[in-house]
Amino acid sequence: GKYDIEGCPIKSDALYEYVRSFENSDDQGFVYTYPNRILAHFDTDQFEVMKKRMLHAIGSNRAVAITYDPKLDQDREDIPCLQFLQCIVRNNELTIHCLFRSNDIFGAFYSNMFFIAYIGIKMKEELNKELLGEKVNFGGIHYHSTSGHIYSNDMKAAKKLIAINK
């Protein structure tokens, strides 16, 4: 669309669909999706659990969601790159912390960042619907990756994108 960046592997329409997928927890034909792992993993809506924990104790650090399932994923080639989410409210500011065990910085970072931002903004809105006192703001993302990389087949396009945007 209008805001697509030449050479960027992710286009705005794809970002929109990826973020919108959070409202649909089915597997969408994939081995797993982050929405189905967050919204229906272990038969639990972890988003709701995080929200309830924060509403119960607004400063709690127990509002976490996981995507990895040792029983389910032990024999799979494809396991979630996003492993962990944590929402924390401090001084009426919600931050979302995420941990990626592996992160394709060129091909997937954009969509992952938009997706995590969407979850944080959605959480802020959900909390503010139920909070009686002072409302919370969305303070951003603490994005951690233990293995950031660019795949060799994307290197030429990544170098071109960097050159375009100098």
N, C-alpha and C. Protein backbone atom coordinates (compact mmCIF):
# COMPACT_ATOMS: atom_id res chain seq x y z
N GLY A 1 0.77 -1.18 0.00
CA GLY A 1 0.00 0.00 0.00
C GLY A 1 0.83 1.26 0.00
N LYS A 2 0.19 2.28 0.47
CA LYS A 2 0.75 3.63 0.45
C LYS A 2 2.07 3.75 1.21
N TYR A 3 2.25 2.99 2.28
CA TYR A 3 3.43 3.14 3.13
C TYR A 3 4.46 2.02 2.92
N ASP A 4 4.32 1.25 1.88
CA ASP A 4 5.30 0.21 1.60
C ASP A 4 6.66 0.83 1.31
N ILE A 5 7.70 0.16 1.76
CA ILE A 5 9.07 0.61 1.52
C ILE A 5 9.65 -0.27 0.42
N GLU A 6 10.20 0.36 -0.60
CA GLU A 6 10.80 -0.39 -1.69
C GLU A 6 11.90 -1.29 -1.14
N GLY A 7 11.83 -2.55 -1.51
CA GLY A 7 12.85 -3.50 -1.07
C GLY A 7 12.55 -4.16 0.26
N CYS A 8 11.60 -3.66 1.01
CA CYS A 8 11.24 -4.27 2.29
C CYS A 8 10.44 -5.55 2.01
N PRO A 9 10.81 -6.66 2.62
CA PRO A 9 10.15 -7.93 2.30
C PRO A 9 8.70 -8.02 2.78
N ILE A 10 8.31 -7.20 3.72
CA ILE A 10 6.95 -7.25 4.25
C ILE A 10 6.19 -6.01 3.77
N LYS A 11 5.05 -6.23 3.18
CA LYS A 11 4.22 -5.13 2.67
C LYS A 11 3.09 -4.85 3.65
N SER A 12 2.53 -3.65 3.55
CA SER A 12 1.54 -3.21 4.53
C SER A 12 0.32 -4.13 4.57
N ASP A 13 -0.11 -4.65 3.45
CA ASP A 13 -1.27 -5.55 3.45
C ASP A 13 -0.97 -6.82 4.26
N ALA A 14 0.25 -7.35 4.10
CA ALA A 14 0.64 -8.54 4.85
C ALA A 14 0.73 -8.23 6.34
N LEU A 15 1.26 -7.05 6.68
CA LEU A 15 1.32 -6.65 8.09
C LEU A 15 -0.08 -6.57 8.69
N TYR A 16 -0.98 -5.97 7.93
CA TYR A 16 -2.36 -5.84 8.39
C TYR A 16 -2.97 -7.22 8.66
N GLU A 17 -2.79 -8.15 7.74
CA GLU A 17 -3.36 -9.49 7.90
C GLU A 17 -2.72 -10.22 9.08
N TYR A 18 -1.42 -10.03 9.26
CA TYR A 18 -0.72 -10.68 10.37
C TYR A 18 -1.25 -10.17 11.71
N VAL A 19 -1.36 -8.87 11.84
CA VAL A 19 -1.86 -8.28 13.08
C VAL A 19 -3.32 -8.68 13.30
N ARG A 20 -4.10 -8.65 12.24
CA ARG A 20 -5.50 -9.03 12.33
C ARG A 20 -5.68 -10.48 12.75
N SER A 21 -4.68 -11.31 12.47
CA SER A 21 -4.76 -12.73 12.81
C SER A 21 -4.87 -12.96 14.31
N PHE A 22 -4.53 -11.94 15.11
CA PHE A 22 -4.63 -12.10 16.56
C PHE A 22 -6.08 -12.32 16.98
N GLU A 23 -7.00 -11.89 16.17
CA GLU A 23 -8.42 -12.07 16.50
C GLU A 23 -8.92 -13.46 16.11
N ASN A 24 -8.03 -14.29 15.54
CA ASN A 24 -8.41 -15.62 15.07
C ASN A 24 -7.39 -16.62 15.58
N SER A 25 -7.74 -17.44 16.54
CA SER A 25 -6.76 -18.33 17.17
C SER A 25 -6.62 -19.68 16.47
N ASP A 26 -7.26 -19.91 15.33
CA ASP A 26 -7.07 -21.21 14.69
C ASP A 26 -5.68 -21.26 14.03
N ASP A 27 -5.30 -22.44 13.55
CA ASP A 27 -3.93 -22.60 13.08
C ASP A 27 -3.70 -22.04 11.68
N GLN A 28 -4.75 -21.65 10.98
CA GLN A 28 -4.66 -21.02 9.67
C GLN A 28 -3.81 -21.82 8.68
N GLY A 29 -3.75 -23.14 8.88
CA GLY A 29 -3.02 -24.01 7.97
C GLY A 29 -1.54 -24.17 8.29
N PHE A 30 -1.06 -23.54 9.36
CA PHE A 30 0.34 -23.65 9.75
C PHE A 30 0.48 -24.64 10.90
N VAL A 31 1.71 -25.11 11.15
CA VAL A 31 1.96 -25.99 12.29
C VAL A 31 1.55 -25.28 13.58
N TYR A 32 1.86 -24.00 13.66
CA TYR A 32 1.46 -23.18 14.79
C TYR A 32 1.39 -21.73 14.30
N THR A 33 0.67 -20.90 15.03
CA THR A 33 0.73 -19.45 14.83
C THR A 33 0.88 -18.85 16.22
N TYR A 34 1.40 -17.63 16.28
CA TYR A 34 1.49 -16.97 17.58
C TYR A 34 0.10 -16.74 18.17
N PRO A 35 -0.89 -16.33 17.36
CA PRO A 35 -2.22 -16.17 17.96
C PRO A 35 -2.75 -17.46 18.57
N ASN A 36 -2.59 -18.60 17.88
CA ASN A 36 -3.16 -19.82 18.48
C ASN A 36 -2.38 -20.24 19.70
N ARG A 37 -1.10 -19.92 19.77
CA ARG A 37 -0.32 -20.25 20.97
C ARG A 37 -0.64 -19.30 22.12
N ILE A 38 -0.97 -18.07 21.83
CA ILE A 38 -1.29 -17.11 22.89
C ILE A 38 -2.74 -17.23 23.33
N LEU A 39 -3.64 -17.46 22.38
CA LEU A 39 -5.07 -17.43 22.68
C LEU A 39 -5.68 -18.79 23.00
N ALA A 40 -5.00 -19.89 22.66
CA ALA A 40 -5.62 -21.19 22.88
C ALA A 40 -4.62 -22.27 23.30
N HIS A 41 -3.41 -21.89 23.65
CA HIS A 41 -2.36 -22.84 24.04
C HIS A 41 -2.72 -23.49 25.36
N PHE A 42 -2.53 -24.80 25.47
CA PHE A 42 -2.89 -25.55 26.66
C PHE A 42 -4.37 -25.32 27.03
N ASP A 43 -5.20 -25.09 26.02
CA ASP A 43 -6.62 -24.78 26.22
C ASP A 43 -6.82 -23.56 27.12
N THR A 44 -5.91 -22.60 27.01
CA THR A 44 -5.95 -21.41 27.86
C THR A 44 -5.77 -20.16 27.01
N ASP A 45 -6.60 -19.17 27.24
CA ASP A 45 -6.42 -17.87 26.61
C ASP A 45 -5.43 -17.09 27.48
N GLN A 46 -4.17 -17.15 27.11
CA GLN A 46 -3.12 -16.53 27.92
C GLN A 46 -3.23 -15.00 27.93
N PHE A 47 -3.79 -14.42 26.88
CA PHE A 47 -4.02 -12.98 26.86
C PHE A 47 -4.96 -12.59 28.01
N GLU A 48 -6.05 -13.34 28.15
CA GLU A 48 -7.01 -13.07 29.24
C GLU A 48 -6.37 -13.30 30.60
N VAL A 49 -5.55 -14.33 30.72
CA VAL A 49 -4.88 -14.59 31.99
C VAL A 49 -3.96 -13.43 32.35
N MET A 50 -3.20 -12.93 31.36
CA MET A 50 -2.33 -11.78 31.62
C MET A 50 -3.15 -10.58 32.07
N LYS A 51 -4.26 -10.33 31.37
CA LYS A 51 -5.12 -9.20 31.72
C LYS A 51 -5.66 -9.33 33.14
N LYS A 52 -6.15 -10.50 33.50
CA LYS A 52 -6.69 -10.72 34.85
C LYS A 52 -5.61 -10.52 35.91
N ARG A 53 -4.41 -11.01 35.65
CA ARG A 53 -3.32 -10.85 36.62
C ARG A 53 -3.01 -9.37 36.84
N MET A 54 -3.00 -8.59 35.76
CA MET A 54 -2.71 -7.16 35.90
C MET A 54 -3.84 -6.42 36.59
N LEU A 55 -5.07 -6.80 36.29
CA LEU A 55 -6.20 -6.15 36.95
C LEU A 55 -6.24 -6.49 38.44
N HIS A 56 -5.84 -7.70 38.78
CA HIS A 56 -5.82 -8.12 40.18
C HIS A 56 -4.75 -7.36 40.96
N ALA A 57 -3.59 -7.17 40.33
CA ALA A 57 -2.48 -6.45 40.99
C ALA A 57 -1.74 -5.69 39.90
N ILE A 58 -2.09 -4.42 39.71
CA ILE A 58 -1.63 -3.64 38.56
C ILE A 58 -0.11 -3.61 38.41
N GLY A 59 0.65 -3.76 39.45
CA GLY A 59 2.11 -3.77 39.35
C GLY A 59 2.71 -5.15 39.21
N SER A 60 1.88 -6.16 39.05
CA SER A 60 2.36 -7.55 39.02
C SER A 60 3.32 -7.79 37.87
N ASN A 61 4.29 -8.65 38.11
CA ASN A 61 5.18 -9.08 37.04
C ASN A 61 4.85 -10.51 36.61
N ARG A 62 3.64 -10.96 36.94
CA ARG A 62 3.20 -12.33 36.65
C ARG A 62 2.34 -12.45 35.40
N ALA A 63 2.19 -11.37 34.67
CA ALA A 63 1.36 -11.40 33.46
C ALA A 63 2.21 -11.89 32.29
N VAL A 64 2.32 -13.21 32.16
CA VAL A 64 3.18 -13.81 31.15
C VAL A 64 2.41 -14.79 30.26
N ALA A 65 2.92 -14.97 29.06
CA ALA A 65 2.40 -15.97 28.13
C ALA A 65 3.60 -16.65 27.49
N ILE A 66 3.45 -17.94 27.24
CA ILE A 66 4.51 -18.71 26.58
C ILE A 66 3.96 -19.33 25.31
N THR A 67 4.84 -19.61 24.38
CA THR A 67 4.40 -20.23 23.13
C THR A 67 4.97 -21.62 22.95
N TYR A 68 6.05 -21.93 23.61
CA TYR A 68 6.70 -23.23 23.45
C TYR A 68 6.01 -24.28 24.30
N ASP A 69 5.82 -25.44 23.74
CA ASP A 69 5.21 -26.56 24.45
C ASP A 69 6.15 -27.75 24.32
N PRO A 70 6.86 -28.12 25.38
CA PRO A 70 7.83 -29.21 25.28
C PRO A 70 7.25 -30.52 24.77
N LYS A 71 6.03 -30.85 25.17
CA LYS A 71 5.42 -32.10 24.70
C LYS A 71 5.10 -32.02 23.21
N LEU A 72 4.49 -30.94 22.80
CA LEU A 72 4.05 -30.78 21.42
C LEU A 72 5.22 -30.51 20.47
N ASP A 73 6.18 -29.74 20.90
CA ASP A 73 7.24 -29.26 20.01
C ASP A 73 8.51 -30.11 20.01
N GLN A 74 8.62 -31.08 20.90
CA GLN A 74 9.88 -31.81 21.04
C GLN A 74 10.34 -32.51 19.76
N ASP A 75 9.42 -32.97 18.94
CA ASP A 75 9.81 -33.68 17.73
C ASP A 75 9.58 -32.87 16.45
N ARG A 76 9.19 -31.62 16.60
CA ARG A 76 8.91 -30.78 15.44
C ARG A 76 10.15 -30.04 14.98
N GLU A 77 10.26 -29.90 13.68
CA GLU A 77 11.34 -29.09 13.11
C GLU A 77 11.05 -27.61 13.36
N ASP A 78 9.80 -27.20 13.14
CA ASP A 78 9.41 -25.80 13.31
C ASP A 78 8.84 -25.59 14.70
N ILE A 79 9.56 -24.82 15.49
CA ILE A 79 9.08 -24.45 16.81
C ILE A 79 9.01 -22.93 16.87
N PRO A 80 8.21 -22.37 17.75
CA PRO A 80 8.04 -20.92 17.77
C PRO A 80 9.36 -20.17 18.02
N CYS A 81 9.55 -19.12 17.25
CA CYS A 81 10.68 -18.22 17.50
C CYS A 81 10.36 -17.33 18.70
N LEU A 82 9.14 -16.81 18.73
CA LEU A 82 8.69 -16.05 19.90
C LEU A 82 8.41 -17.06 21.01
N GLN A 83 9.10 -16.89 22.12
CA GLN A 83 8.99 -17.83 23.22
C GLN A 83 8.15 -17.30 24.38
N PHE A 84 8.21 -16.00 24.62
CA PHE A 84 7.74 -15.47 25.89
C PHE A 84 7.25 -14.04 25.72
N LEU A 85 6.13 -13.74 26.33
CA LEU A 85 5.60 -12.37 26.43
C LEU A 85 5.36 -12.06 27.89
N GLN A 86 5.60 -10.81 28.26
CA GLN A 86 5.29 -10.36 29.61
C GLN A 86 4.79 -8.92 29.53
N CYS A 87 3.66 -8.67 30.16
CA CYS A 87 3.14 -7.31 30.25
C CYS A 87 3.36 -6.81 31.68
N ILE A 88 3.88 -5.60 31.76
CA ILE A 88 4.15 -5.00 33.07
C ILE A 88 3.64 -3.57 33.05
N VAL A 89 2.97 -3.17 34.13
CA VAL A 89 2.54 -1.78 34.28
C VAL A 89 3.32 -1.17 35.44
N ARG A 90 4.00 -0.08 35.14
CA ARG A 90 4.72 0.69 36.16
C ARG A 90 4.39 2.17 35.92
N ASN A 91 3.99 2.86 36.98
CA ASN A 91 3.65 4.28 36.86
C ASN A 91 2.64 4.54 35.74
N ASN A 92 1.62 3.70 35.68
CA ASN A 92 0.53 3.79 34.69
C ASN A 92 1.02 3.66 33.25
N GLU A 93 2.13 2.98 33.05
CA GLU A 93 2.64 2.75 31.70
C GLU A 93 2.83 1.25 31.49
N LEU A 94 2.14 0.73 30.48
CA LEU A 94 2.24 -0.68 30.14
C LEU A 94 3.38 -0.87 29.15
N THR A 95 4.27 -1.79 29.48
CA THR A 95 5.28 -2.20 28.51
C THR A 95 5.11 -3.69 28.28
N ILE A 96 5.44 -4.11 27.10
CA ILE A 96 5.38 -5.53 26.77
C ILE A 96 6.80 -5.99 26.46
N HIS A 97 7.18 -7.05 27.11
CA HIS A 97 8.51 -7.63 26.94
C HIS A 97 8.35 -8.92 26.15
N CYS A 98 9.22 -9.13 25.18
CA CYS A 98 9.15 -10.36 24.41
C CYS A 98 10.55 -10.93 24.26
N LEU A 99 10.61 -12.25 24.15
CA LEU A 99 11.87 -12.94 23.95
C LEU A 99 11.73 -13.86 22.75
N PHE A 100 12.59 -13.63 21.77
CA PHE A 100 12.66 -14.49 20.60
C PHE A 100 13.91 -15.35 20.71
N ARG A 101 13.76 -16.65 20.55
CA ARG A 101 14.92 -17.54 20.58
C ARG A 101 15.71 -17.40 19.29
N SER A 102 15.05 -16.95 18.25
CA SER A 102 15.66 -16.77 16.94
C SER A 102 14.85 -15.70 16.22
N ASN A 103 15.53 -14.82 15.49
CA ASN A 103 14.80 -13.72 14.87
C ASN A 103 15.40 -13.35 13.52
N ASP A 104 14.61 -13.53 12.49
CA ASP A 104 14.99 -13.14 11.13
C ASP A 104 14.82 -11.62 11.05
N ILE A 105 15.92 -10.91 11.22
CA ILE A 105 15.88 -9.45 11.31
C ILE A 105 15.43 -8.79 10.02
N PHE A 106 15.66 -9.41 8.89
CA PHE A 106 15.24 -8.81 7.63
C PHE A 106 13.82 -9.24 7.24
N GLY A 107 13.56 -10.53 7.27
CA GLY A 107 12.29 -11.03 6.76
C GLY A 107 11.12 -11.02 7.72
N ALA A 108 11.39 -11.13 9.03
CA ALA A 108 10.28 -11.28 9.97
C ALA A 108 10.20 -10.19 11.03
N PHE A 109 11.26 -9.45 11.25
CA PHE A 109 11.29 -8.47 12.33
C PHE A 109 10.13 -7.47 12.24
N TYR A 110 9.88 -6.94 11.05
CA TYR A 110 8.84 -5.93 10.87
C TYR A 110 7.48 -6.45 11.32
N SER A 111 7.12 -7.61 10.82
CA SER A 111 5.81 -8.16 11.17
C SER A 111 5.76 -8.54 12.64
N ASN A 112 6.84 -9.08 13.18
CA ASN A 112 6.85 -9.42 14.61
C ASN A 112 6.67 -8.18 15.46
N MET A 113 7.38 -7.10 15.11
CA MET A 113 7.30 -5.87 15.90
C MET A 113 5.88 -5.29 15.85
N PHE A 114 5.27 -5.26 14.67
CA PHE A 114 3.89 -4.76 14.57
C PHE A 114 2.94 -5.64 15.36
N PHE A 115 3.14 -6.95 15.29
CA PHE A 115 2.27 -7.89 16.00
C PHE A 115 2.37 -7.70 17.51
N ILE A 116 3.60 -7.59 18.03
CA ILE A 116 3.79 -7.40 19.47
C ILE A 116 3.22 -6.04 19.90
N ALA A 117 3.43 -5.01 19.08
CA ALA A 117 2.86 -3.69 19.38
C ALA A 117 1.34 -3.77 19.44
N TYR A 118 0.74 -4.50 18.52
CA TYR A 118 -0.71 -4.66 18.52
C TYR A 118 -1.18 -5.31 19.82
N ILE A 119 -0.48 -6.35 20.26
CA ILE A 119 -0.86 -7.02 21.51
C ILE A 119 -0.77 -6.04 22.67
N GLY A 120 0.30 -5.24 22.72
CA GLY A 120 0.45 -4.26 23.79
C GLY A 120 -0.64 -3.21 23.78
N ILE A 121 -0.97 -2.70 22.61
CA ILE A 121 -2.02 -1.68 22.49
C ILE A 121 -3.38 -2.28 22.84
N LYS A 122 -3.63 -3.50 22.37
CA LYS A 122 -4.89 -4.18 22.70
C LYS A 122 -4.99 -4.41 24.21
N MET A 123 -3.88 -4.80 24.84
CA MET A 123 -3.90 -5.03 26.29
C MET A 123 -4.20 -3.72 27.01
N LYS A 124 -3.57 -2.63 26.59
CA LYS A 124 -3.82 -1.32 27.21
C LYS A 124 -5.31 -0.97 27.11
N GLU A 125 -5.89 -1.16 25.94
CA GLU A 125 -7.31 -0.85 25.76
C GLU A 125 -8.20 -1.73 26.63
N GLU A 126 -7.88 -3.02 26.71
CA GLU A 126 -8.66 -3.94 27.54
C GLU A 126 -8.56 -3.57 29.03
N LEU A 127 -7.37 -3.24 29.48
CA LEU A 127 -7.20 -2.82 30.88
C LEU A 127 -7.98 -1.55 31.16
N ASN A 128 -7.90 -0.59 30.26
CA ASN A 128 -8.57 0.70 30.48
C ASN A 128 -10.09 0.58 30.49
N LYS A 129 -10.64 -0.45 29.84
CA LYS A 129 -12.09 -0.68 29.90
C LYS A 129 -12.53 -1.05 31.31
N GLU A 130 -11.64 -1.70 32.06
CA GLU A 130 -12.02 -2.24 33.37
C GLU A 130 -11.44 -1.47 34.55
N LEU A 131 -10.42 -0.67 34.32
CA LEU A 131 -9.82 0.08 35.43
C LEU A 131 -10.74 1.22 35.85
N LEU A 132 -10.94 1.37 37.13
CA LEU A 132 -11.79 2.44 37.64
C LEU A 132 -11.01 3.73 37.85
N GLY A 133 -9.76 3.60 38.22
CA GLY A 133 -8.93 4.77 38.52
C GLY A 133 -8.20 5.28 37.29
N GLU A 134 -6.98 5.68 37.53
CA GLU A 134 -6.15 6.24 36.47
C GLU A 134 -5.90 5.21 35.37
N LYS A 135 -5.99 5.64 34.15
CA LYS A 135 -5.81 4.75 33.00
C LYS A 135 -4.33 4.55 32.70
N VAL A 136 -4.04 3.47 31.96
CA VAL A 136 -2.65 3.19 31.58
C VAL A 136 -2.40 3.63 30.14
N ASN A 137 -1.16 3.96 29.86
CA ASN A 137 -0.70 4.28 28.52
C ASN A 137 0.17 3.14 28.03
N PHE A 138 0.32 3.04 26.73
CA PHE A 138 1.22 2.03 26.18
C PHE A 138 2.60 2.64 26.05
N GLY A 139 3.56 2.07 26.76
CA GLY A 139 4.91 2.63 26.82
C GLY A 139 5.89 2.00 25.86
N GLY A 140 5.49 0.96 25.16
CA GLY A 140 6.38 0.38 24.17
C GLY A 140 6.76 -1.06 24.44
N ILE A 141 7.78 -1.48 23.69
CA ILE A 141 8.19 -2.88 23.66
C ILE A 141 9.65 -3.01 24.07
N HIS A 142 9.92 -3.99 24.88
CA HIS A 142 11.29 -4.41 25.16
C HIS A 142 11.49 -5.70 24.37
N TYR A 143 12.18 -5.59 23.26
CA TYR A 143 12.29 -6.67 22.28
C TYR A 143 13.66 -7.33 22.42
N HIS A 144 13.66 -8.59 22.80
CA HIS A 144 14.92 -9.32 23.01
C HIS A 144 14.99 -10.49 22.03
N SER A 145 16.15 -10.63 21.42
CA SER A 145 16.38 -11.76 20.53
C SER A 145 17.72 -12.37 20.90
N THR A 146 17.73 -13.67 21.14
CA THR A 146 18.99 -14.33 21.48
C THR A 146 19.78 -14.71 20.24
N SER A 147 19.15 -14.65 19.07
CA SER A 147 19.86 -14.99 17.84
C SER A 147 19.24 -14.23 16.67
N GLY A 148 19.65 -12.99 16.51
CA GLY A 148 19.19 -12.20 15.37
C GLY A 148 20.06 -12.51 14.16
N HIS A 149 19.44 -12.63 13.00
CA HIS A 149 20.20 -13.00 11.81
C HIS A 149 19.48 -12.54 10.54
N ILE A 150 20.21 -12.52 9.46
CA ILE A 150 19.65 -12.32 8.12
C ILE A 150 20.06 -13.55 7.32
N TYR A 151 19.09 -14.21 6.71
CA TYR A 151 19.39 -15.39 5.91
C TYR A 151 20.19 -15.01 4.67
N SER A 152 21.09 -15.89 4.26
CA SER A 152 21.98 -15.59 3.13
C SER A 152 21.20 -15.27 1.86
N ASN A 153 20.06 -15.92 1.65
CA ASN A 153 19.28 -15.65 0.44
C ASN A 153 18.59 -14.28 0.50
N ASP A 154 18.60 -13.61 1.64
CA ASP A 154 18.04 -12.25 1.78
C ASP A 154 19.11 -11.17 1.84
N MET A 155 20.38 -11.56 1.89
CA MET A 155 21.46 -10.60 2.10
C MET A 155 21.51 -9.53 1.00
N LYS A 156 21.37 -9.93 -0.25
CA LYS A 156 21.42 -8.96 -1.36
C LYS A 156 20.30 -7.92 -1.22
N ALA A 157 19.10 -8.38 -0.93
CA ALA A 157 17.96 -7.47 -0.77
C ALA A 157 18.14 -6.58 0.45
N ALA A 158 18.69 -7.12 1.54
CA ALA A 158 18.92 -6.33 2.75
C ALA A 158 19.95 -5.23 2.47
N LYS A 159 21.03 -5.56 1.79
CA LYS A 159 22.05 -4.56 1.45
C LYS A 159 21.47 -3.48 0.54
N LYS A 160 20.62 -3.90 -0.38
CA LYS A 160 19.99 -2.94 -1.29
C LYS A 160 19.07 -2.00 -0.49
N LEU A 161 18.30 -2.54 0.42
CA LEU A 161 17.40 -1.72 1.23
C LEU A 161 18.19 -0.72 2.07
N ILE A 162 19.28 -1.14 2.65
CA ILE A 162 20.11 -0.23 3.44
C ILE A 162 20.67 0.87 2.55
N ALA A 163 21.11 0.53 1.35
CA ALA A 163 21.67 1.52 0.41
C ALA A 163 20.62 2.53 -0.02
N ILE A 164 19.38 2.06 -0.22
CA ILE A 164 18.28 2.95 -0.62
C ILE A 164 18.00 3.97 0.46
N ASN A 165 18.11 3.58 1.70
CA ASN A 165 17.69 4.41 2.82
C ASN A 165 18.85 5.13 3.53
N LYS A 166 19.98 5.28 2.86
CA LYS A 166 21.12 6.00 3.48
C LYS A 166 20.89 7.47 3.45
